[in-house]
């Protein structure tokens, strides 16, 4: 994927002066322009939508978004700790004794 993006002029690889093994990937001006062209209309529409809500409604929406993000994070963490790939924390009702 990085090779394709580099061929398209969207990224550049920059070597570190301190450690030549380290390569940073940086977006090019072309990539920034394309990103603005793609996301600026979306951002403007979202600002229009947000502008139709009063402060109390925005507080409710903000609370919902924060709670939803916390719920997703908690579910992800639970899935990771109960993953069969993590035998030290098996799902409830299972045993690691063989």
PDB file of N, CA and C in Angstrom:
ATOM      1  N   UNK A   1       0.823  -1.173   0.000  1.00  0.00           N
ATOM      2  CA  UNK A   1       0.000   0.000   0.000  1.00  0.00           C
ATOM      3  C   UNK A   1       0.880   1.253   0.000  1.00  0.00           C
ATOM      4  N   UNK A   2       1.941   1.249   0.816  1.00  0.00           N
ATOM      5  CA  UNK A   2       2.807   2.417   0.864  1.00  0.00           C
ATOM      6  C   UNK A   2       3.481   2.667  -0.478  1.00  0.00           C
ATOM      7  N   UNK A   3       3.874   1.586  -1.159  1.00  0.00           N
ATOM      8  CA  UNK A   3       4.476   1.751  -2.483  1.00  0.00           C
ATOM      9  C   UNK A   3       3.497   2.411  -3.441  1.00  0.00           C
ATOM     10  N   UNK A   4       2.247   1.995  -3.407  1.00  0.00           N
ATOM     11  CA  UNK A   4       1.232   2.596  -4.285  1.00  0.00           C
ATOM     12  C   UNK A   4       1.047   4.074  -3.973  1.00  0.00           C
ATOM     13  N   UNK A   5       0.941   4.389  -2.679  1.00  0.00           N
ATOM     14  CA  UNK A   5       0.772   5.788  -2.294  1.00  0.00           C
ATOM     15  C   UNK A   5       1.981   6.627  -2.708  1.00  0.00           C
ATOM     16  N   UNK A   6       3.160   6.063  -2.599  1.00  0.00           N
ATOM     17  CA  UNK A   6       4.369   6.784  -3.019  1.00  0.00           C
ATOM     18  C   UNK A   6       4.361   7.010  -4.533  1.00  0.00           C
ATOM     19  N   UNK A   7       3.998   5.976  -5.298  1.00  0.00           N
ATOM     20  CA  UNK A   7       3.931   6.124  -6.761  1.00  0.00           C
ATOM     21  C   UNK A   7       2.910   7.187  -7.171  1.00  0.00           C
ATOM     22  N   UNK A   8       1.838   7.315  -6.407  1.00  0.00           N
ATOM     23  CA  UNK A   8       0.810   8.312  -6.700  1.00  0.00           C
ATOM     24  C   UNK A   8       1.191   9.716  -6.210  1.00  0.00           C
ATOM     25  N   UNK A   9       2.335   9.804  -5.539  1.00  0.00           N
ATOM     26  CA  UNK A   9       2.780  11.097  -5.028  1.00  0.00           C
ATOM     27  C   UNK A   9       2.042  11.551  -3.790  1.00  0.00           C
ATOM     28  N   UNK A  10       1.474  10.601  -3.046  1.00  0.00           N
ATOM     29  CA  UNK A  10       0.685  10.941  -1.865  1.00  0.00           C
ATOM     30  C   UNK A  10       1.494  10.905  -0.568  1.00  0.00           C
ATOM     31  N   UNK A  11       2.564  10.135  -0.554  1.00  0.00           N
ATOM     32  CA  UNK A  11       3.428  10.059   0.631  1.00  0.00           C
ATOM     33  C   UNK A  11       4.877  10.157   0.191  1.00  0.00           C
ATOM     34  N   UNK A  12       5.716  10.491   1.162  1.00  0.00           N
ATOM     35  CA  UNK A  12       7.151  10.403   0.942  1.00  0.00           C
ATOM     36  C   UNK A  12       7.769   9.709   2.145  1.00  0.00           C
ATOM     37  N   UNK A  13       8.819   8.995   1.881  1.00  0.00           N
ATOM     38  CA  UNK A  13       9.553   8.302   2.941  1.00  0.00           C
ATOM     39  C   UNK A  13      10.746   9.160   3.306  1.00  0.00           C
ATOM     40  N   UNK A  14      10.893   9.447   4.590  1.00  0.00           N
ATOM     41  CA  UNK A  14      11.973  10.295   5.066  1.00  0.00           C
ATOM     42  C   UNK A  14      12.828   9.521   6.053  1.00  0.00           C
ATOM     43  N   UNK A  15      14.108   9.395   5.765  1.00  0.00           N
ATOM     44  CA  UNK A  15      15.014   8.688   6.673  1.00  0.00           C
ATOM     45  C   UNK A  15      15.448   9.616   7.804  1.00  0.00           C
ATOM     46  N   UNK A  16      15.619   9.032   8.964  1.00  0.00           N
ATOM     47  CA  UNK A  16      16.081   9.767  10.128  1.00  0.00           C
ATOM     48  C   UNK A  16      17.564  10.075   9.975  1.00  0.00           C
ATOM     49  N   UNK A  17      17.966  11.268  10.393  1.00  0.00           N
ATOM     50  CA  UNK A  17      19.390  11.617  10.377  1.00  0.00           C
ATOM     51  C   UNK A  17      20.155  10.877  11.473  1.00  0.00           C
ATOM     52  N   UNK A  18      19.462  10.560  12.577  1.00  0.00           N
ATOM     53  CA  UNK A  18      20.119   9.892  13.697  1.00  0.00           C
ATOM     54  C   UNK A  18      20.253   8.385  13.482  1.00  0.00           C
ATOM     55  N   UNK A  19      19.260   7.779  12.858  1.00  0.00           N
ATOM     56  CA  UNK A  19      19.267   6.325  12.658  1.00  0.00           C
ATOM     57  C   UNK A  19      18.715   6.037  11.266  1.00  0.00           C
ATOM     58  N   UNK A  20      19.567   5.693  10.348  1.00  0.00           N
ATOM     59  CA  UNK A  20      19.173   5.485   8.952  1.00  0.00           C
ATOM     60  C   UNK A  20      18.196   4.332   8.778  1.00  0.00           C
ATOM     61  N   UNK A  21      18.027   3.489   9.794  1.00  0.00           N
ATOM     62  CA  UNK A  21      17.055   2.398   9.706  1.00  0.00           C
ATOM     63  C   UNK A  21      15.630   2.892   9.897  1.00  0.00           C
ATOM     64  N   UNK A  22      15.486   4.049  10.508  1.00  0.00           N
ATOM     65  CA  UNK A  22      14.169   4.619  10.795  1.00  0.00           C
ATOM     66  C   UNK A  22      13.679   5.390   9.567  1.00  0.00           C
ATOM     67  N   UNK A  23      12.479   5.054   9.138  1.00  0.00           N
ATOM     68  CA  UNK A  23      11.870   5.733   7.997  1.00  0.00           C
ATOM     69  C   UNK A  23      10.522   6.278   8.437  1.00  0.00           C
ATOM     70  N   UNK A  24      10.348   7.579   8.293  1.00  0.00           N
ATOM     71  CA  UNK A  24       9.066   8.216   8.599  1.00  0.00           C
ATOM     72  C   UNK A  24       8.265   8.328   7.314  1.00  0.00           C
ATOM     73  N   UNK A  25       6.977   8.119   7.430  1.00  0.00           N
ATOM     74  CA  UNK A  25       6.072   8.277   6.297  1.00  0.00           C
ATOM     75  C   UNK A  25       5.364   9.616   6.493  1.00  0.00           C
ATOM     76  N   UNK A  26       5.418  10.464   5.481  1.00  0.00           N
ATOM     77  CA  UNK A  26       4.827  11.791   5.588  1.00  0.00           C
ATOM     78  C   UNK A  26       3.931  12.057   4.382  1.00  0.00           C
ATOM     79  N   UNK A  27       2.748  12.653   4.621  1.00  0.00           N
ATOM     80  CA  UNK A  27       1.899  13.000   3.481  1.00  0.00           C
ATOM     81  C   UNK A  27       2.528  14.145   2.690  1.00  0.00           C
ATOM     82  N   UNK A  28       2.306  14.145   1.405  1.00  0.00           N
ATOM     83  CA  UNK A  28       2.812  15.210   0.536  1.00  0.00           C
ATOM     84  C   UNK A  28       1.797  16.350   0.465  1.00  0.00           C
ATOM     85  N   UNK A  29       2.212  17.450  -0.130  1.00  0.00           N
ATOM     86  CA  UNK A  29       1.278  18.558  -0.341  1.00  0.00           C
ATOM     87  C   UNK A  29       0.093  18.108  -1.195  1.00  0.00           C
ATOM     88  N   UNK A  30       0.371  17.247  -2.165  1.00  0.00           N
ATOM     89  CA  UNK A  30      -0.697  16.713  -3.019  1.00  0.00           C
ATOM     90  C   UNK A  30      -1.728  15.963  -2.175  1.00  0.00           C
ATOM     91  N   UNK A  31      -1.264  15.151  -1.230  1.00  0.00           N
ATOM     92  CA  UNK A  31      -2.168  14.387  -0.366  1.00  0.00           C
ATOM     93  C   UNK A  31      -2.980  15.321   0.528  1.00  0.00           C
ATOM     94  N   UNK A  32      -2.327  16.348   1.058  1.00  0.00           N
ATOM     95  CA  UNK A  32      -3.050  17.305   1.902  1.00  0.00           C
ATOM     96  C   UNK A  32      -4.141  18.018   1.104  1.00  0.00           C
ATOM     97  N   UNK A  33      -3.817  18.419  -0.119  1.00  0.00           N
ATOM     98  CA  UNK A  33      -4.796  19.083  -0.970  1.00  0.00           C
ATOM     99  C   UNK A  33      -5.979  18.166  -1.269  1.00  0.00           C
ATOM    100  N   UNK A  34      -5.682  16.911  -1.649  1.00  0.00           N
ATOM    101  CA  UNK A  34      -6.746  15.944  -1.929  1.00  0.00           C
ATOM    102  C   UNK A  34      -7.617  15.735  -0.688  1.00  0.00           C
ATOM    103  N   UNK A  35      -6.978  15.652   0.471  1.00  0.00           N
ATOM    104  CA  UNK A  35      -7.720  15.478   1.716  1.00  0.00           C
ATOM    105  C   UNK A  35      -8.647  16.640   1.994  1.00  0.00           C
ATOM    106  N   UNK A  36      -8.138  17.851   1.786  1.00  0.00           N
ATOM    107  CA  UNK A  36      -8.988  19.030   1.976  1.00  0.00           C
ATOM    108  C   UNK A  36     -10.149  19.022   0.986  1.00  0.00           C
ATOM    109  N   UNK A  37      -9.867  18.685  -0.263  1.00  0.00           N
ATOM    110  CA  UNK A  37     -10.929  18.657  -1.277  1.00  0.00           C
ATOM    111  C   UNK A  37     -12.006  17.635  -0.913  1.00  0.00           C
ATOM    112  N   UNK A  38     -11.570  16.516  -0.322  1.00  0.00           N
ATOM    113  CA  UNK A  38     -12.502  15.443   0.002  1.00  0.00           C
ATOM    114  C   UNK A  38     -13.286  15.741   1.281  1.00  0.00           C
ATOM    115  N   UNK A  39     -12.607  16.263   2.304  1.00  0.00           N
ATOM    116  CA  UNK A  39     -13.242  16.377   3.619  1.00  0.00           C
ATOM    117  C   UNK A  39     -13.770  17.761   3.951  1.00  0.00           C
ATOM    118  N   UNK A  40     -13.341  18.792   3.256  1.00  0.00           N
ATOM    119  CA  UNK A  40     -13.835  20.140   3.547  1.00  0.00           C
ATOM    120  C   UNK A  40     -15.352  20.236   3.357  1.00  0.00           C
ATOM    121  N   UNK A  41     -15.920  19.732   2.255  1.00  0.00           N
ATOM    122  CA  UNK A  41     -17.386  19.789   2.124  1.00  0.00           C
ATOM    123  C   UNK A  41     -18.098  19.054   3.260  1.00  0.00           C
ATOM    124  N   UNK A  42     -17.561  17.928   3.676  1.00  0.00           N
ATOM    125  CA  UNK A  42     -18.153  17.193   4.791  1.00  0.00           C
ATOM    126  C   UNK A  42     -18.094  18.018   6.068  1.00  0.00           C
ATOM    127  N   UNK A  43     -16.942  18.610   6.335  1.00  0.00           N
ATOM    128  CA  UNK A  43     -16.796  19.432   7.529  1.00  0.00           C
ATOM    129  C   UNK A  43     -17.754  20.606   7.542  1.00  0.00           C
ATOM    130  N   UNK A  44     -17.920  21.229   6.393  1.00  0.00           N
ATOM    131  CA  UNK A  44     -18.831  22.372   6.304  1.00  0.00           C
ATOM    132  C   UNK A  44     -20.280  21.945   6.554  1.00  0.00           C
ATOM    133  N   UNK A  45     -20.677  20.809   5.989  1.00  0.00           N
ATOM    134  CA  UNK A  45     -22.040  20.305   6.220  1.00  0.00           C
ATOM    135  C   UNK A  45     -22.244  19.958   7.689  1.00  0.00           C
ATOM    136  N   UNK A  46     -21.227  19.348   8.302  1.00  0.00           N
ATOM    137  CA  UNK A  46     -21.353  18.985   9.719  1.00  0.00           C
ATOM    138  C   UNK A  46     -21.498  20.239  10.583  1.00  0.00           C
ATOM    139  N   UNK A  47     -20.775  21.300  10.239  1.00  0.00           N
ATOM    140  CA  UNK A  47     -20.912  22.547  10.989  1.00  0.00           C
ATOM    141  C   UNK A  47     -22.318  23.132  10.823  1.00  0.00           C
ATOM    142  N   UNK A  48     -22.883  22.999   9.627  1.00  0.00           N
ATOM    143  CA  UNK A  48     -24.267  23.443   9.413  1.00  0.00           C
ATOM    144  C   UNK A  48     -25.218  22.659  10.309  1.00  0.00           C
ATOM    145  N   UNK A  49     -25.033  21.353  10.358  1.00  0.00           N
ATOM    146  CA  UNK A  49     -25.906  20.505  11.178  1.00  0.00           C
ATOM    147  C   UNK A  49     -25.746  20.857  12.652  1.00  0.00           C
ATOM    148  N   UNK A  50     -24.509  20.952  13.122  1.00  0.00           N
ATOM    149  CA  UNK A  50     -24.259  21.267  14.534  1.00  0.00           C
ATOM    150  C   UNK A  50     -24.876  22.613  14.891  1.00  0.00           C
ATOM    151  N   UNK A  51     -24.858  23.536  13.951  1.00  0.00           N
ATOM    152  CA  UNK A  51     -25.408  24.865  14.199  1.00  0.00           C
ATOM    153  C   UNK A  51     -26.900  24.882  14.448  1.00  0.00           C
ATOM    154  N   UNK A  52     -27.597  23.794  14.134  1.00  0.00           N
ATOM    155  CA  UNK A  52     -29.046  23.738  14.354  1.00  0.00           C
ATOM    156  C   UNK A  52     -29.412  23.247  15.758  1.00  0.00           C
ATOM    157  N   UNK A  53     -28.406  22.837  16.547  1.00  0.00           N
ATOM    158  CA  UNK A  53     -28.659  22.337  17.902  1.00  0.00           C
ATOM    159  C   UNK A  53     -28.370  23.432  18.925  1.00  0.00           C
ATOM    160  N   UNK A  54     -29.172  23.451  19.996  1.00  0.00           N
ATOM    161  CA  UNK A  54     -28.887  24.397  21.077  1.00  0.00           C
ATOM    162  C   UNK A  54     -27.866  23.768  22.035  1.00  0.00           C
ATOM    163  N   UNK A  55     -27.417  24.549  23.004  1.00  0.00           N
ATOM    164  CA  UNK A  55     -26.368  24.073  23.924  1.00  0.00           C
ATOM    165  C   UNK A  55     -26.778  22.817  24.683  1.00  0.00           C
ATOM    166  N   UNK A  56     -28.027  22.742  25.139  1.00  0.00           N
ATOM    167  CA  UNK A  56     -28.489  21.573  25.882  1.00  0.00           C
ATOM    168  C   UNK A  56     -28.472  20.327  24.993  1.00  0.00           C
ATOM    169  N   UNK A  57     -28.927  20.474  23.751  1.00  0.00           N
ATOM    170  CA  UNK A  57     -28.915  19.342  22.823  1.00  0.00           C
ATOM    171  C   UNK A  57     -27.488  18.889  22.526  1.00  0.00           C
ATOM    172  N   UNK A  58     -26.581  19.842  22.357  1.00  0.00           N
ATOM    173  CA  UNK A  58     -25.178  19.492  22.098  1.00  0.00           C
ATOM    174  C   UNK A  58     -24.561  18.756  23.289  1.00  0.00           C
ATOM    175  N   UNK A  59     -24.939  19.142  24.501  1.00  0.00           N
ATOM    176  CA  UNK A  59     -24.446  18.435  25.684  1.00  0.00           C
ATOM    177  C   UNK A  59     -24.923  16.988  25.691  1.00  0.00           C
ATOM    178  N   UNK A  60     -26.168  16.761  25.297  1.00  0.00           N
ATOM    179  CA  UNK A  60     -26.713  15.397  25.250  1.00  0.00           C
ATOM    180  C   UNK A  60     -25.999  14.588  24.173  1.00  0.00           C
ATOM    181  N   UNK A  61     -25.822  15.182  23.000  1.00  0.00           N
ATOM    182  CA  UNK A  61     -25.129  14.482  21.920  1.00  0.00           C
ATOM    183  C   UNK A  61     -23.686  14.164  22.330  1.00  0.00           C
ATOM    184  N   UNK A  62     -23.028  15.126  22.959  1.00  0.00           N
ATOM    185  CA  UNK A  62     -21.651  14.916  23.416  1.00  0.00           C
ATOM    186  C   UNK A  62     -21.588  13.797  24.445  1.00  0.00           C
ATOM    187  N   UNK A  63     -22.523  13.807  25.391  1.00  0.00           N
ATOM    188  CA  UNK A  63     -22.556  12.736  26.401  1.00  0.00           C
ATOM    189  C   UNK A  63     -22.764  11.381  25.739  1.00  0.00           C
ATOM    190  N   UNK A  64     -23.704  11.304  24.779  1.00  0.00           N
ATOM    191  CA  UNK A  64     -23.947  10.050  24.073  1.00  0.00           C
ATOM    192  C   UNK A  64     -22.685   9.578  23.360  1.00  0.00           C
ATOM    193  N   UNK A  65     -22.027  10.465  22.629  1.00  0.00           N
ATOM    194  CA  UNK A  65     -20.828  10.071  21.882  1.00  0.00           C
ATOM    195  C   UNK A  65     -19.730   9.585  22.828  1.00  0.00           C
ATOM    196  N   UNK A  66     -19.516  10.284  23.928  1.00  0.00           N
ATOM    197  CA  UNK A  66     -18.505   9.857  24.902  1.00  0.00           C
ATOM    198  C   UNK A  66     -18.860   8.503  25.502  1.00  0.00           C
ATOM    199  N   UNK A  67     -20.133   8.305  25.851  1.00  0.00           N
ATOM    200  CA  UNK A  67     -20.573   7.018  26.403  1.00  0.00           C
ATOM    201  C   UNK A  67     -20.440   5.900  25.373  1.00  0.00           C
ATOM    202  N   UNK A  68     -20.793   6.187  24.123  1.00  0.00           N
ATOM    203  CA  UNK A  68     -20.690   5.172  23.066  1.00  0.00           C
ATOM    204  C   UNK A  68     -19.237   4.776  22.845  1.00  0.00           C
ATOM    205  N   UNK A  69     -18.346   5.746  22.811  1.00  0.00           N
ATOM    206  CA  UNK A  69     -16.914   5.455  22.630  1.00  0.00           C
ATOM    207  C   UNK A  69     -16.396   4.627  23.804  1.00  0.00           C
ATOM    208  N   UNK A  70     -16.776   4.987  25.013  1.00  0.00           N
ATOM    209  CA  UNK A  70     -16.343   4.230  26.191  1.00  0.00           C
ATOM    210  C   UNK A  70     -16.876   2.798  26.135  1.00  0.00           C
ATOM    211  N   UNK A  71     -18.119   2.627  25.672  1.00  0.00           N
ATOM    212  CA  UNK A  71     -18.696   1.285  25.552  1.00  0.00           C
ATOM    213  C   UNK A  71     -17.957   0.439  24.527  1.00  0.00           C
ATOM    214  N   UNK A  72     -17.629   1.032  23.405  1.00  0.00           N
ATOM    215  CA  UNK A  72     -16.874   0.299  22.375  1.00  0.00           C
ATOM    216  C   UNK A  72     -15.492  -0.072  22.899  1.00  0.00           C
ATOM    217  N   UNK A  73     -14.837   0.875  23.567  1.00  0.00           N
ATOM    218  CA  UNK A  73     -13.508   0.591  24.135  1.00  0.00           C
ATOM    219  C   UNK A  73     -13.570  -0.538  25.159  1.00  0.00           C
ATOM    220  N   UNK A  74     -14.590  -0.525  26.014  1.00  0.00           N
ATOM    221  CA  UNK A  74     -14.733  -1.571  27.030  1.00  0.00           C
ATOM    222  C   UNK A  74     -14.999  -2.930  26.384  1.00  0.00           C
ATOM    223  N   UNK A  75     -15.855  -2.956  25.365  1.00  0.00           N
ATOM    224  CA  UNK A  75     -16.149  -4.216  24.674  1.00  0.00           C
ATOM    225  C   UNK A  75     -14.903  -4.754  23.974  1.00  0.00           C
ATOM    226  N   UNK A  76     -14.131  -3.868  23.373  1.00  0.00           N
ATOM    227  CA  UNK A  76     -12.892  -4.287  22.705  1.00  0.00           C
ATOM    228  C   UNK A  76     -11.920  -4.874  23.718  1.00  0.00           C
ATOM    229  N   UNK A  77     -11.768  -4.190  24.839  1.00  0.00           N
ATOM    230  CA  UNK A  77     -10.850  -4.681  25.871  1.00  0.00           C
ATOM    231  C   UNK A  77     -11.314  -6.027  26.411  1.00  0.00           C
ATOM    232  N   UNK A  78     -12.606  -6.180  26.616  1.00  0.00           N
ATOM    233  CA  UNK A  78     -13.151  -7.454  27.092  1.00  0.00           C
ATOM    234  C   UNK A  78     -12.902  -8.565  26.073  1.00  0.00           C
ATOM    235  N   UNK A  79     -13.100  -8.252  24.804  1.00  0.00           N
ATOM    236  CA  UNK A  79     -12.872  -9.246  23.747  1.00  0.00           C
ATOM    237  C   UNK A  79     -11.408  -9.662  23.699  1.00  0.00           C
ATOM    238  N   UNK A  80     -10.509  -8.709  23.890  1.00  0.00           N
ATOM    239  CA  UNK A  80      -9.071  -9.009  23.861  1.00  0.00           C
ATOM    240  C   UNK A  80      -8.692  -9.892  25.044  1.00  0.00           C
ATOM    241  N   UNK A  81      -9.186  -9.559  26.222  1.00  0.00           N
ATOM    242  CA  UNK A  81      -8.796 -10.331  27.410  1.00  0.00           C
ATOM    243  C   UNK A  81      -9.447 -11.701  27.447  1.00  0.00           C
ATOM    244  N   UNK A  82     -10.564 -11.882  26.719  1.00  0.00           N
ATOM    245  CA  UNK A  82     -11.231 -13.185  26.699  1.00  0.00           C
ATOM    246  C   UNK A  82     -10.956 -13.954  25.414  1.00  0.00           C
ATOM    247  N   UNK A  83     -10.038 -13.465  24.628  1.00  0.00           N
ATOM    248  CA  UNK A  83      -9.714 -14.095  23.352  1.00  0.00           C
ATOM    249  C   UNK A  83      -9.064 -15.455  23.561  1.00  0.00           C
ATOM    250  N   UNK A  84      -9.397 -16.446  22.727  1.00  0.00           N
ATOM    251  CA  UNK A  84      -8.728 -17.748  22.809  1.00  0.00           C
ATOM    252  C   UNK A  84      -7.217 -17.622  22.603  1.00  0.00           C
ATOM    253  N   UNK A  85      -6.792 -16.559  21.961  1.00  0.00           N
ATOM    254  CA  UNK A  85      -5.360 -16.333  21.765  1.00  0.00           C
ATOM    255  C   UNK A  85      -4.695 -15.875  23.055  1.00  0.00           C
ATOM    256  N   UNK A  86      -5.475 -15.599  24.086  1.00  0.00           N
ATOM    257  CA  UNK A  86      -4.948 -15.160  25.370  1.00  0.00           C
ATOM    258  C   UNK A  86      -5.345 -16.181  26.434  1.00  0.00           C
ATOM    259  N   UNK A  87      -4.660 -17.334  26.497  1.00  0.00           N
ATOM    260  CA  UNK A  87      -5.058 -18.421  27.399  1.00  0.00           C
ATOM    261  C   UNK A  87      -4.979 -18.063  28.873  1.00  0.00           C
ATOM    262  N   UNK A  88      -4.287 -16.990  29.233  1.00  0.00           N
ATOM    263  CA  UNK A  88      -4.217 -16.629  30.647  1.00  0.00           C
ATOM    264  C   UNK A  88      -5.513 -16.005  31.140  1.00  0.00           C
ATOM    265  N   UNK A  89      -6.382 -15.587  30.226  1.00  0.00           N
ATOM    266  CA  UNK A  89      -7.664 -15.000  30.580  1.00  0.00           C
ATOM    267  C   UNK A  89      -8.770 -15.619  29.727  1.00  0.00           C
ATOM    268  N   UNK A  90      -9.113 -16.884  29.947  1.00  0.00           N
ATOM    269  CA  UNK A  90     -10.138 -17.523  29.112  1.00  0.00           C
ATOM    270  C   UNK A  90     -11.512 -16.955  29.394  1.00  0.00           C
ATOM    271  N   UNK A  91     -12.438 -17.086  28.426  1.00  0.00           N
ATOM    272  CA  UNK A  91     -13.817 -16.639  28.672  1.00  0.00           C
ATOM    273  C   UNK A  91     -14.428 -17.383  29.861  1.00  0.00           C
ATOM    274  N   UNK A  92     -15.391 -16.736  30.496  1.00  0.00           N
ATOM    275  CA  UNK A  92     -16.062 -17.359  31.641  1.00  0.00           C
ATOM    276  C   UNK A  92     -16.607 -18.725  31.264  1.00  0.00           C
ATOM    277  N   UNK A  93     -16.483 -19.674  32.189  1.00  0.00           N
ATOM    278  CA  UNK A  93     -17.006 -21.021  31.963  1.00  0.00           C
ATOM    279  C   UNK A  93     -16.032 -21.939  31.248  1.00  0.00           C
ATOM    280  N   UNK A  94     -14.853 -21.463  30.901  1.00  0.00           N
ATOM    281  CA  UNK A  94     -13.874 -22.323  30.235  1.00  0.00           C
ATOM    282  C   UNK A  94     -12.722 -22.572  31.199  1.00  0.00           C
ATOM    283  N   UNK A  95     -11.990 -23.596  30.907  1.00  0.00           N
ATOM    284  CA  UNK A  95     -10.867 -23.954  31.757  1.00  0.00           C
ATOM    285  C   UNK A  95      -9.605 -24.065  30.919  1.00  0.00           C
ATOM    286  N   UNK A  96      -8.491 -23.662  31.505  1.00  0.00           N
ATOM    287  CA  UNK A  96      -7.225 -23.815  30.792  1.00  0.00           C
ATOM    288  C   UNK A  96      -6.485 -25.067  31.257  1.00  0.00           C
ATOM    289  N   UNK A  97      -7.080 -25.769  32.237  1.00  0.00           N
ATOM    290  CA  UNK A  97      -6.466 -27.038  32.662  1.00  0.00           C
ATOM    291  C   UNK A  97      -6.686 -28.092  31.609  1.00  0.00           C
ATOM    292  N   UNK A  98      -5.637 -28.819  31.289  1.00  0.00           N
ATOM    293  CA  UNK A  98      -5.766 -29.837  30.233  1.00  0.00           C
ATOM    294  C   UNK A  98      -5.466 -31.186  30.783  1.00  0.00           C
TER     295      UNK A  98
END
